[in-house]
PDB file of all heavy atoms in Angstrom:
ATOM      1  N   VAL A   1       0.838  -1.200   0.000  1.00  0.00           N
ATOM      2  CA  VAL A   1       0.000   0.000   0.000  1.00  0.00           C
ATOM      3  C   VAL A   1       0.875   1.253   0.000  1.00  0.00           C
ATOM      4  O   VAL A   1       0.624   2.212  -0.746  1.00  0.00           O
ATOM      5  CB  VAL A   1      -0.979  -0.014   1.193  1.00  0.00           C
ATOM      6  CG1 VAL A   1      -1.712   1.313   1.331  1.00  0.00           C
ATOM      7  CG2 VAL A   1      -1.969  -1.168   1.044  1.00  0.00           C
ATOM      8  N   ARG A   2       1.918   1.244   0.812  1.00  0.00           N
ATOM      9  CA  ARG A   2       2.817   2.400   0.895  1.00  0.00           C
ATOM     10  C   ARG A   2       3.497   2.671  -0.442  1.00  0.00           C
ATOM     11  O   ARG A   2       3.578   3.810  -0.898  1.00  0.00           O
ATOM     12  CB  ARG A   2       3.844   2.144   2.008  1.00  0.00           C
ATOM     13  CG  ARG A   2       4.731   3.310   2.326  1.00  0.00           C
ATOM     14  CD  ARG A   2       5.578   3.067   3.583  1.00  0.00           C
ATOM     15  NE  ARG A   2       6.382   1.858   3.540  1.00  0.00           N
ATOM     16  CZ  ARG A   2       6.163   0.778   4.298  1.00  0.00           C
ATOM     17  NH1 ARG A   2       5.154   0.737   5.143  1.00  0.00           N
ATOM     18  NH2 ARG A   2       6.948  -0.280   4.203  1.00  0.00           N
ATOM     19  N   GLU A   3       3.995   1.623  -1.104  1.00  0.00           N
ATOM     20  CA  GLU A   3       4.717   1.809  -2.365  1.00  0.00           C
ATOM     21  C   GLU A   3       3.791   2.242  -3.498  1.00  0.00           C
ATOM     22  O   GLU A   3       4.141   3.120  -4.284  1.00  0.00           O
ATOM     23  CB  GLU A   3       5.480   0.541  -2.735  1.00  0.00           C
ATOM     24  CG  GLU A   3       6.653   0.265  -1.822  1.00  0.00           C
ATOM     25  CD  GLU A   3       7.673   1.394  -1.833  1.00  0.00           C
ATOM     26  OE1 GLU A   3       8.262   1.651  -2.896  1.00  0.00           O
ATOM     27  OE2 GLU A   3       7.870   2.028  -0.779  1.00  0.00           O
ATOM     28  N   VAL A   4       2.608   1.635  -3.591  1.00  0.00           N
ATOM     29  CA  VAL A   4       1.651   2.071  -4.611  1.00  0.00           C
ATOM     30  C   VAL A   4       1.249   3.517  -4.335  1.00  0.00           C
ATOM     31  O   VAL A   4       1.189   4.341  -5.262  1.00  0.00           O
ATOM     32  CB  VAL A   4       0.414   1.142  -4.657  1.00  0.00           C
ATOM     33  CG1 VAL A   4      -0.687   1.737  -5.543  1.00  0.00           C
ATOM     34  CG2 VAL A   4       0.806  -0.236  -5.165  1.00  0.00           C
ATOM     35  N   GLY A   5       1.021   3.850  -3.083  1.00  0.00           N
ATOM     36  CA  GLY A   5       0.665   5.224  -2.724  1.00  0.00           C
ATOM     37  C   GLY A   5       1.773   6.215  -3.026  1.00  0.00           C
ATOM     38  O   GLY A   5       1.514   7.327  -3.515  1.00  0.00           O
ATOM     39  N   ARG A   6       3.000   5.815  -2.763  1.00  0.00           N
ATOM     40  CA  ARG A   6       4.142   6.704  -3.027  1.00  0.00           C
ATOM     41  C   ARG A   6       4.196   7.074  -4.510  1.00  0.00           C
ATOM     42  O   ARG A   6       4.300   8.247  -4.866  1.00  0.00           O
ATOM     43  CB  ARG A   6       5.433   6.009  -2.597  1.00  0.00           C
ATOM     44  CG  ARG A   6       6.709   6.796  -2.861  1.00  0.00           C
ATOM     45  CD  ARG A   6       7.926   6.035  -2.352  1.00  0.00           C
ATOM     46  NE  ARG A   6       8.141   4.750  -2.997  1.00  0.00           N
ATOM     47  CZ  ARG A   6       8.815   4.588  -4.154  1.00  0.00           C
ATOM     48  NH1 ARG A   6       9.304   5.630  -4.785  1.00  0.00           N
ATOM     49  NH2 ARG A   6       8.981   3.372  -4.655  1.00  0.00           N
ATOM     50  N   ILE A   7       4.090   6.077  -5.374  1.00  0.00           N
ATOM     51  CA  ILE A   7       4.150   6.327  -6.812  1.00  0.00           C
ATOM     52  C   ILE A   7       2.868   7.008  -7.293  1.00  0.00           C
ATOM     53  O   ILE A   7       2.913   7.971  -8.066  1.00  0.00           O
ATOM     54  CB  ILE A   7       4.384   5.006  -7.591  1.00  0.00           C
ATOM     55  CG1 ILE A   7       5.688   4.340  -7.168  1.00  0.00           C
ATOM     56  CG2 ILE A   7       4.335   5.244  -9.094  1.00  0.00           C
ATOM     57  CD1 ILE A   7       6.939   5.092  -7.509  1.00  0.00           C
ATOM     58  N   GLY A   8       1.724   6.525  -6.831  1.00  0.00           N
ATOM     59  CA  GLY A   8       0.442   7.096  -7.253  1.00  0.00           C
ATOM     60  C   GLY A   8       0.304   8.557  -6.874  1.00  0.00           C
ATOM     61  O   GLY A   8      -0.122   9.386  -7.693  1.00  0.00           O
ATOM     62  N   GLU A   9       0.679   8.895  -5.650  1.00  0.00           N
ATOM     63  CA  GLU A   9       0.573  10.288  -5.209  1.00  0.00           C
ATOM     64  C   GLU A   9       1.582  11.175  -5.930  1.00  0.00           C
ATOM     65  O   GLU A   9       1.270  12.321  -6.284  1.00  0.00           O
ATOM     66  CB  GLU A   9       0.743  10.369  -3.699  1.00  0.00           C
ATOM     67  CG  GLU A   9      -0.463   9.788  -2.965  1.00  0.00           C
ATOM     68  CD  GLU A   9      -0.266   9.690  -1.463  1.00  0.00           C
ATOM     69  OE1 GLU A   9       0.756  10.185  -0.935  1.00  0.00           O
ATOM     70  OE2 GLU A   9      -1.150   9.095  -0.814  1.00  0.00           O
ATOM     71  N   ALA A  10       2.783  10.672  -6.155  1.00  0.00           N
ATOM     72  CA  ALA A  10       3.784  11.454  -6.887  1.00  0.00           C
ATOM     73  C   ALA A  10       3.311  11.737  -8.313  1.00  0.00           C
ATOM     74  O   ALA A  10       3.458  12.847  -8.830  1.00  0.00           O
ATOM     75  CB  ALA A  10       5.122  10.729  -6.900  1.00  0.00           C
ATOM     76  N   TRP A  11       2.711  10.710  -8.944  1.00  0.00           N
ATOM     77  CA  TRP A  11       2.210  10.897 -10.304  1.00  0.00           C
ATOM     78  C   TRP A  11       1.044  11.890 -10.320  1.00  0.00           C
ATOM     79  O   TRP A  11       0.959  12.766 -11.187  1.00  0.00           O
ATOM     80  CB  TRP A  11       1.792   9.574 -10.927  1.00  0.00           C
ATOM     81  CG  TRP A  11       1.096   9.752 -12.243  1.00  0.00           C
ATOM     82  CD1 TRP A  11      -0.196   9.458 -12.523  1.00  0.00           C
ATOM     83  CD2 TRP A  11       1.652  10.285 -13.437  1.00  0.00           C
ATOM     84  NE1 TRP A  11      -0.483   9.770 -13.821  1.00  0.00           N
ATOM     85  CE2 TRP A  11       0.641  10.289 -14.412  1.00  0.00           C
ATOM     86  CE3 TRP A  11       2.907  10.780 -13.786  1.00  0.00           C
ATOM     87  CZ2 TRP A  11       0.828  10.757 -15.706  1.00  0.00           C
ATOM     88  CZ3 TRP A  11       3.102  11.235 -15.070  1.00  0.00           C
ATOM     89  CH2 TRP A  11       2.080  11.221 -16.024  1.00  0.00           C
ATOM     90  N   ALA A  12       0.145  11.779  -9.364  1.00  0.00           N
ATOM     91  CA  ALA A  12      -0.996  12.692  -9.301  1.00  0.00           C
ATOM     92  C   ALA A  12      -0.522  14.137  -9.136  1.00  0.00           C
ATOM     93  O   ALA A  12      -1.017  15.047  -9.805  1.00  0.00           O
ATOM     94  CB  ALA A  12      -1.930  12.297  -8.161  1.00  0.00           C
ATOM     95  N   GLU A  13       0.463  14.322  -8.276  1.00  0.00           N
ATOM     96  CA  GLU A  13       0.984  15.670  -8.042  1.00  0.00           C
ATOM     97  C   GLU A  13       1.690  16.216  -9.281  1.00  0.00           C
ATOM     98  O   GLU A  13       1.499  17.371  -9.668  1.00  0.00           O
ATOM     99  CB  GLU A  13       1.950  15.665  -6.862  1.00  0.00           C
ATOM    100  CG  GLU A  13       2.454  17.042  -6.488  1.00  0.00           C
ATOM    101  CD  GLU A  13       3.345  17.003  -5.271  1.00  0.00           C
ATOM    102  OE1 GLU A  13       3.014  16.297  -4.300  1.00  0.00           O
ATOM    103  OE2 GLU A  13       4.388  17.691  -5.304  1.00  0.00           O
ATOM    104  N   ALA A  14       2.494  15.381  -9.925  1.00  0.00           N
ATOM    105  CA  ALA A  14       3.261  15.826 -11.097  1.00  0.00           C
ATOM    106  C   ALA A  14       2.373  16.061 -12.312  1.00  0.00           C
ATOM    107  O   ALA A  14       2.618  16.979 -13.094  1.00  0.00           O
ATOM    108  CB  ALA A  14       4.334  14.800 -11.435  1.00  0.00           C
ATOM    109  N   SER A  15       1.335  15.247 -12.458  1.00  0.00           N
ATOM    110  CA  SER A  15       0.512  15.328 -13.664  1.00  0.00           C
ATOM    111  C   SER A  15      -0.748  16.167 -13.481  1.00  0.00           C
ATOM    112  O   SER A  15      -1.377  16.567 -14.459  1.00  0.00           O
ATOM    113  CB  SER A  15       0.105  13.921 -14.102  1.00  0.00           C
ATOM    114  OG  SER A  15      -0.807  13.361 -13.167  1.00  0.00           O
ATOM    115  N   GLY A  16      -1.142  16.383 -12.247  1.00  0.00           N
ATOM    116  CA  GLY A  16      -2.398  17.069 -11.980  1.00  0.00           C
ATOM    117  C   GLY A  16      -3.605  16.159 -12.155  1.00  0.00           C
ATOM    118  O   GLY A  16      -4.746  16.602 -12.045  1.00  0.00           O
ATOM    119  N   ALA A  17      -3.350  14.886 -12.403  1.00  0.00           N
ATOM    120  CA  ALA A  17      -4.433  13.925 -12.594  1.00  0.00           C
ATOM    121  C   ALA A  17      -4.920  13.411 -11.247  1.00  0.00           C
ATOM    122  O   ALA A  17      -4.178  13.384 -10.268  1.00  0.00           O
ATOM    123  CB  ALA A  17      -3.950  12.750 -13.440  1.00  0.00           C
ATOM    124  N   SER A  18      -6.144  12.977 -11.217  1.00  0.00           N
ATOM    125  CA  SER A  18      -6.691  12.336 -10.034  1.00  0.00           C
ATOM    126  C   SER A  18      -6.428  10.836 -10.150  1.00  0.00           C
ATOM    127  O   SER A  18      -6.771  10.222 -11.161  1.00  0.00           O
ATOM    128  CB  SER A  18      -8.191  12.609  -9.946  1.00  0.00           C
ATOM    129  OG  SER A  18      -8.741  11.918  -8.858  1.00  0.00           O
ATOM    130  N   VAL A  19      -5.798  10.265  -9.136  1.00  0.00           N
ATOM    131  CA  VAL A  19      -5.460   8.846  -9.173  1.00  0.00           C
ATOM    132  C   VAL A  19      -6.077   8.176  -7.951  1.00  0.00           C
ATOM    133  O   VAL A  19      -5.720   8.484  -6.812  1.00  0.00           O
ATOM    134  CB  VAL A  19      -3.923   8.638  -9.184  1.00  0.00           C
ATOM    135  CG1 VAL A  19      -3.595   7.161  -9.178  1.00  0.00           C
ATOM    136  CG2 VAL A  19      -3.295   9.329 -10.383  1.00  0.00           C
ATOM    137  N   GLU A  20      -7.015   7.251  -8.195  1.00  0.00           N
ATOM    138  CA  GLU A  20      -7.666   6.500  -7.125  1.00  0.00           C
ATOM    139  C   GLU A  20      -6.959   5.161  -6.993  1.00  0.00           C
ATOM    140  O   GLU A  20      -7.348   4.161  -7.582  1.00  0.00           O
ATOM    141  CB  GLU A  20      -9.150   6.313  -7.449  1.00  0.00           C
ATOM    142  CG  GLU A  20      -9.926   5.603  -6.364  1.00  0.00           C
ATOM    143  CD  GLU A  20      -9.932   6.332  -5.028  1.00  0.00           C
ATOM    144  OE1 GLU A  20      -9.969   7.581  -5.011  1.00  0.00           O
ATOM    145  OE2 GLU A  20      -9.877   5.644  -4.003  1.00  0.00           O
ATOM    146  N   TRP A  21      -5.909   5.135  -6.191  1.00  0.00           N
ATOM    147  CA  TRP A  21      -5.049   3.960  -6.102  1.00  0.00           C
ATOM    148  C   TRP A  21      -5.356   3.065  -4.909  1.00  0.00           C
ATOM    149  O   TRP A  21      -5.011   1.890  -4.895  1.00  0.00           O
ATOM    150  CB  TRP A  21      -3.577   4.381  -6.052  1.00  0.00           C
ATOM    151  CG  TRP A  21      -3.262   5.333  -4.931  1.00  0.00           C
ATOM    152  CD1 TRP A  21      -3.241   6.689  -4.986  1.00  0.00           C
ATOM    153  CD2 TRP A  21      -2.937   4.987  -3.586  1.00  0.00           C
ATOM    154  NE1 TRP A  21      -2.929   7.216  -3.760  1.00  0.00           N
ATOM    155  CE2 TRP A  21      -2.734   6.190  -2.873  1.00  0.00           C
ATOM    156  CE3 TRP A  21      -2.799   3.784  -2.904  1.00  0.00           C
ATOM    157  CZ2 TRP A  21      -2.403   6.221  -1.537  1.00  0.00           C
ATOM    158  CZ3 TRP A  21      -2.463   3.805  -1.558  1.00  0.00           C
ATOM    159  CH2 TRP A  21      -2.267   5.026  -0.891  1.00  0.00           C
ATOM    160  N   GLU A  22      -5.999   3.582  -3.882  1.00  0.00           N
ATOM    161  CA  GLU A  22      -6.145   2.851  -2.625  1.00  0.00           C
ATOM    162  C   GLU A  22      -6.907   1.533  -2.705  1.00  0.00           C
ATOM    163  O   GLU A  22      -6.426   0.520  -2.162  1.00  0.00           O
ATOM    164  CB  GLU A  22      -6.739   3.761  -1.555  1.00  0.00           C
ATOM    165  CG  GLU A  22      -5.777   4.851  -1.134  1.00  0.00           C
ATOM    166  CD  GLU A  22      -6.356   5.772  -0.095  1.00  0.00           C
ATOM    167  OE1 GLU A  22      -6.576   5.281   1.029  1.00  0.00           O
ATOM    168  OE2 GLU A  22      -6.591   6.951  -0.404  1.00  0.00           O
ATOM    169  N   PRO A  23      -8.076   1.467  -3.352  1.00  0.00           N
ATOM    170  CA  PRO A  23      -8.779   0.167  -3.382  1.00  0.00           C
ATOM    171  C   PRO A  23      -7.956  -0.932  -4.055  1.00  0.00           C
ATOM    172  O   PRO A  23      -7.860  -2.051  -3.525  1.00  0.00           O
ATOM    173  CB  PRO A  23     -10.065   0.461  -4.178  1.00  0.00           C
ATOM    174  CG  PRO A  23     -10.266   1.935  -4.041  1.00  0.00           C
ATOM    175  CD  PRO A  23      -8.890   2.523  -3.970  1.00  0.00           C
ATOM    176  N   ALA A  24      -7.363  -0.626  -5.185  1.00  0.00           N
ATOM    177  CA  ALA A  24      -6.559  -1.632  -5.892  1.00  0.00           C
ATOM    178  C   ALA A  24      -5.314  -1.999  -5.091  1.00  0.00           C
ATOM    179  O   ALA A  24      -4.899  -3.164  -5.072  1.00  0.00           O
ATOM    180  CB  ALA A  24      -6.175  -1.131  -7.280  1.00  0.00           C
ATOM    181  N   ALA A  25      -4.710  -1.018  -4.430  1.00  0.00           N
ATOM    182  CA  ALA A  25      -3.523  -1.295  -3.614  1.00  0.00           C
ATOM    183  C   ALA A  25      -3.873  -2.205  -2.445  1.00  0.00           C
ATOM    184  O   ALA A  25      -3.114  -3.127  -2.123  1.00  0.00           O
ATOM    185  CB  ALA A  25      -2.903   0.008  -3.109  1.00  0.00           C
ATOM    186  N   ASN A  26      -5.011  -1.970  -1.813  1.00  0.00           N
ATOM    187  CA  ASN A  26      -5.431  -2.825  -0.694  1.00  0.00           C
ATOM    188  C   ASN A  26      -5.705  -4.248  -1.149  1.00  0.00           C
ATOM    189  O   ASN A  26      -5.327  -5.207  -0.473  1.00  0.00           O
ATOM    190  CB  ASN A  26      -6.654  -2.231  -0.002  1.00  0.00           C
ATOM    191  CG  ASN A  26      -6.306  -1.010   0.825  1.00  0.00           C
ATOM    192  OD1 ASN A  26      -5.242  -0.946   1.431  1.00  0.00           O
ATOM    193  ND2 ASN A  26      -7.184  -0.033   0.829  1.00  0.00           N
ATOM    194  N   ASP A  27      -6.347  -4.399  -2.307  1.00  0.00           N
ATOM    195  CA  ASP A  27      -6.581  -5.739  -2.854  1.00  0.00           C
ATOM    196  C   ASP A  27      -5.261  -6.429  -3.176  1.00  0.00           C
ATOM    197  O   ASP A  27      -5.075  -7.616  -2.877  1.00  0.00           O
ATOM    198  CB  ASP A  27      -7.446  -5.667  -4.114  1.00  0.00           C
ATOM    199  CG  ASP A  27      -8.884  -5.264  -3.817  1.00  0.00           C
ATOM    200  OD1 ASP A  27      -9.297  -5.318  -2.643  1.00  0.00           O
ATOM    201  OD2 ASP A  27      -9.587  -4.893  -4.786  1.00  0.00           O
ATOM    202  N   ALA A  28      -4.352  -5.688  -3.791  1.00  0.00           N
ATOM    203  CA  ALA A  28      -3.047  -6.253  -4.145  1.00  0.00           C
ATOM    204  C   ALA A  28      -2.260  -6.638  -2.899  1.00  0.00           C
ATOM    205  O   ALA A  28      -1.566  -7.656  -2.888  1.00  0.00           O
ATOM    206  CB  ALA A  28      -2.247  -5.267  -4.993  1.00  0.00           C
ATOM    207  N   ALA A  29      -2.381  -5.851  -1.851  1.00  0.00           N
ATOM    208  CA  ALA A  29      -1.636  -6.125  -0.616  1.00  0.00           C
ATOM    209  C   ALA A  29      -1.978  -7.490  -0.050  1.00  0.00           C
ATOM    210  O   ALA A  29      -1.097  -8.250   0.358  1.00  0.00           O
ATOM    211  CB  ALA A  29      -1.911  -5.027   0.413  1.00  0.00           C
ATOM    212  N   THR A  30      -3.255  -7.812  -0.046  1.00  0.00           N
ATOM    213  CA  THR A  30      -3.688  -9.116   0.457  1.00  0.00           C
ATOM    214  C   THR A  30      -3.174 -10.236  -0.432  1.00  0.00           C
ATOM    215  O   THR A  30      -2.637 -11.237   0.050  1.00  0.00           O
ATOM    216  CB  THR A  30      -5.227  -9.159   0.549  1.00  0.00           C
ATOM    217  OG1 THR A  30      -5.651  -8.123   1.442  1.00  0.00           O
ATOM    218  CG2 THR A  30      -5.701 -10.508   1.057  1.00  0.00           C
ATOM    219  N   ALA A  31      -3.325 -10.060  -1.744  1.00  0.00           N
ATOM    220  CA  ALA A  31      -2.881 -11.095  -2.690  1.00  0.00           C
ATOM    221  C   ALA A  31      -1.376 -11.312  -2.614  1.00  0.00           C
ATOM    222  O   ALA A  31      -0.905 -12.455  -2.613  1.00  0.00           O
ATOM    223  CB  ALA A  31      -3.296 -10.709  -4.109  1.00  0.00           C
ATOM    224  N   VAL A  32      -0.618 -10.228  -2.535  1.00  0.00           N
ATOM    225  CA  VAL A  32       0.842 -10.326  -2.470  1.00  0.00           C
ATOM    226  C   VAL A  32       1.263 -11.049  -1.200  1.00  0.00           C
ATOM    227  O   VAL A  32       2.099 -11.953  -1.230  1.00  0.00           O
ATOM    228  CB  VAL A  32       1.509  -8.936  -2.516  1.00  0.00           C
ATOM    229  CG1 VAL A  32       2.984  -9.015  -2.183  1.00  0.00           C
ATOM    230  CG2 VAL A  32       1.313  -8.293  -3.863  1.00  0.00           C
ATOM    231  N   SER A  33       0.706 -10.645  -0.088  1.00  0.00           N
ATOM    232  CA  SER A  33       1.082 -11.252   1.183  1.00  0.00           C
ATOM    233  C   SER A  33       0.779 -12.746   1.185  1.00  0.00           C
ATOM    234  O   SER A  33       1.625 -13.555   1.582  1.00  0.00           O
ATOM    235  CB  SER A  33       0.357 -10.555   2.331  1.00  0.00           C
ATOM    236  OG  SER A  33       0.774 -11.075   3.563  1.00  0.00           O
ATOM    237  N   ASP A  34      -0.396 -13.113   0.716  1.00  0.00           N
ATOM    238  CA  ASP A  34      -0.763 -14.532   0.674  1.00  0.00           C
ATOM    239  C   ASP A  34       0.201 -15.314  -0.211  1.00  0.00           C
ATOM    240  O   ASP A  34       0.687 -16.377   0.175  1.00  0.00           O
ATOM    241  CB  ASP A  34      -2.190 -14.711   0.158  1.00  0.00           C
ATOM    242  CG  ASP A  34      -3.252 -14.218   1.134  1.00  0.00           C
ATOM    243  OD1 ASP A  34      -2.914 -13.934   2.307  1.00  0.00           O
ATOM    244  OD2 ASP A  34      -4.420 -14.101   0.711  1.00  0.00           O
ATOM    245  N   ARG A  35       0.488 -14.791  -1.397  1.00  0.00           N
ATOM    246  CA  ARG A  35       1.336 -15.510  -2.347  1.00  0.00           C
ATOM    247  C   ARG A  35       2.783 -15.600  -1.872  1.00  0.00           C
ATOM    248  O   ARG A  35       3.380 -16.681  -1.847  1.00  0.00           O
ATOM    249  CB  ARG A  35       1.295 -14.833  -3.722  1.00  0.00           C
ATOM    250  CG  ARG A  35       2.170 -15.524  -4.765  1.00  0.00           C
ATOM    251  CD  ARG A  35       2.156 -14.815  -6.104  1.00  0.00           C
ATOM    252  NE  ARG A  35       2.590 -13.443  -6.059  1.00  0.00           N
ATOM    253  CZ  ARG A  35       3.864 -13.047  -5.940  1.00  0.00           C
ATOM    254  NH1 ARG A  35       4.837 -13.936  -5.830  1.00  0.00           N
ATOM    255  NH2 ARG A  35       4.184 -11.758  -5.917  1.00  0.00           N
ATOM    256  N   VAL A  36       3.353 -14.482  -1.472  1.00  0.00           N
ATOM    257  CA  VAL A  36       4.759 -14.462  -1.077  1.00  0.00           C
ATOM    258  C   VAL A  36       4.983 -15.296   0.181  1.00  0.00           C
ATOM    259  O   VAL A  36       5.953 -16.067   0.251  1.00  0.00           O
ATOM    260  CB  VAL A  36       5.266 -13.019  -0.902  1.00  0.00           C
ATOM    261  CG1 VAL A  36       6.629 -12.980  -0.233  1.00  0.00           C
ATOM    262  CG2 VAL A  36       5.318 -12.311  -2.259  1.00  0.00           C
ATOM    263  N   CYS A  37       4.103 -15.186   1.146  1.00  0.00           N
ATOM    264  CA  CYS A  37       4.284 -15.975   2.377  1.00  0.00           C
ATOM    265  C   CYS A  37       4.111 -17.464   2.109  1.00  0.00           C
ATOM    266  O   CYS A  37       4.828 -18.288   2.692  1.00  0.00           O
ATOM    267  CB  CYS A  37       3.363 -15.462   3.471  1.00  0.00           C
ATOM    268  SG  CYS A  37       3.890 -13.812   4.041  1.00  0.00           S
ATOM    269  N   ALA A  38       3.205 -17.818   1.212  1.00  0.00           N
ATOM    270  CA  ALA A  38       3.079 -19.230   0.824  1.00  0.00           C
ATOM    271  C   ALA A  38       4.358 -19.707   0.138  1.00  0.00           C
ATOM    272  O   ALA A  38       4.842 -20.817   0.409  1.00  0.00           O
ATOM    273  CB  ALA A  38       1.880 -19.428  -0.092  1.00  0.00           C
ATOM    274  N   ASP A  39       4.928 -18.871  -0.734  1.00  0.00           N
ATOM    275  CA  ASP A  39       6.179 -19.237  -1.411  1.00  0.00           C
ATOM    276  C   ASP A  39       7.334 -19.354  -0.421  1.00  0.00           C
ATOM    277  O   ASP A  39       8.193 -20.236  -0.565  1.00  0.00           O
ATOM    278  CB  ASP A  39       6.521 -18.217  -2.503  1.00  0.00           C
ATOM    279  CG  ASP A  39       5.576 -18.278  -3.695  1.00  0.00           C
ATOM    280  OD1 ASP A  39       4.785 -19.240  -3.801  1.00  0.00           O
ATOM    281  OD2 ASP A  39       5.623 -17.336  -4.521  1.00  0.00           O
ATOM    282  N   LEU A  40       7.361 -18.485   0.583  1.00  0.00           N
ATOM    283  CA  LEU A  40       8.399 -18.599   1.620  1.00  0.00           C
ATOM    284  C   LEU A  40       8.240 -19.907   2.387  1.00  0.00           C
ATOM    285  O   LEU A  40       9.230 -20.597   2.650  1.00  0.00           O
ATOM    286  CB  LEU A  40       8.332 -17.419   2.588  1.00  0.00           C
ATOM    287  CG  LEU A  40       8.885 -16.093   2.090  1.00  0.00           C
ATOM    288  CD1 LEU A  40       8.536 -14.965   3.062  1.00  0.00           C
ATOM    289  CD2 LEU A  40      10.393 -16.169   1.864  1.00  0.00           C
ATOM    290  N   ARG A  41       7.017 -20.273   2.711  1.00  0.00           N
ATOM    291  CA  ARG A  41       6.789 -21.536   3.437  1.00  0.00           C
ATOM    292  C   ARG A  41       7.240 -22.740   2.621  1.00  0.00           C
ATOM    293  O   ARG A  41       7.808 -23.693   3.158  1.00  0.00           O
ATOM    294  CB  ARG A  41       5.322 -21.661   3.843  1.00  0.00           C
ATOM    295  CG  ARG A  41       4.948 -20.749   4.984  1.00  0.00           C
ATOM    296  CD  ARG A  41       3.495 -20.961   5.438  1.00  0.00           C
ATOM    297  NE  ARG A  41       3.098 -19.923   6.341  1.00  0.00           N
ATOM    298  CZ  ARG A  41       2.447 -18.807   5.991  1.00  0.00           C
ATOM    299  NH1 ARG A  41       2.090 -18.615   4.738  1.00  0.00           N
ATOM    300  NH2 ARG A  41       2.144 -17.894   6.893  1.00  0.00           N
TER     301      ARG A  41
END
């Protein structure tokens, strides 16, 4: 969430565009954690 927000907010500020990144970032966070932790196990 932090990394998607960092890039998303920087892009929004630089471009003046509105970027709604939070819902997709939250969904990705769960998927990433599940996948990576399973791979570590």
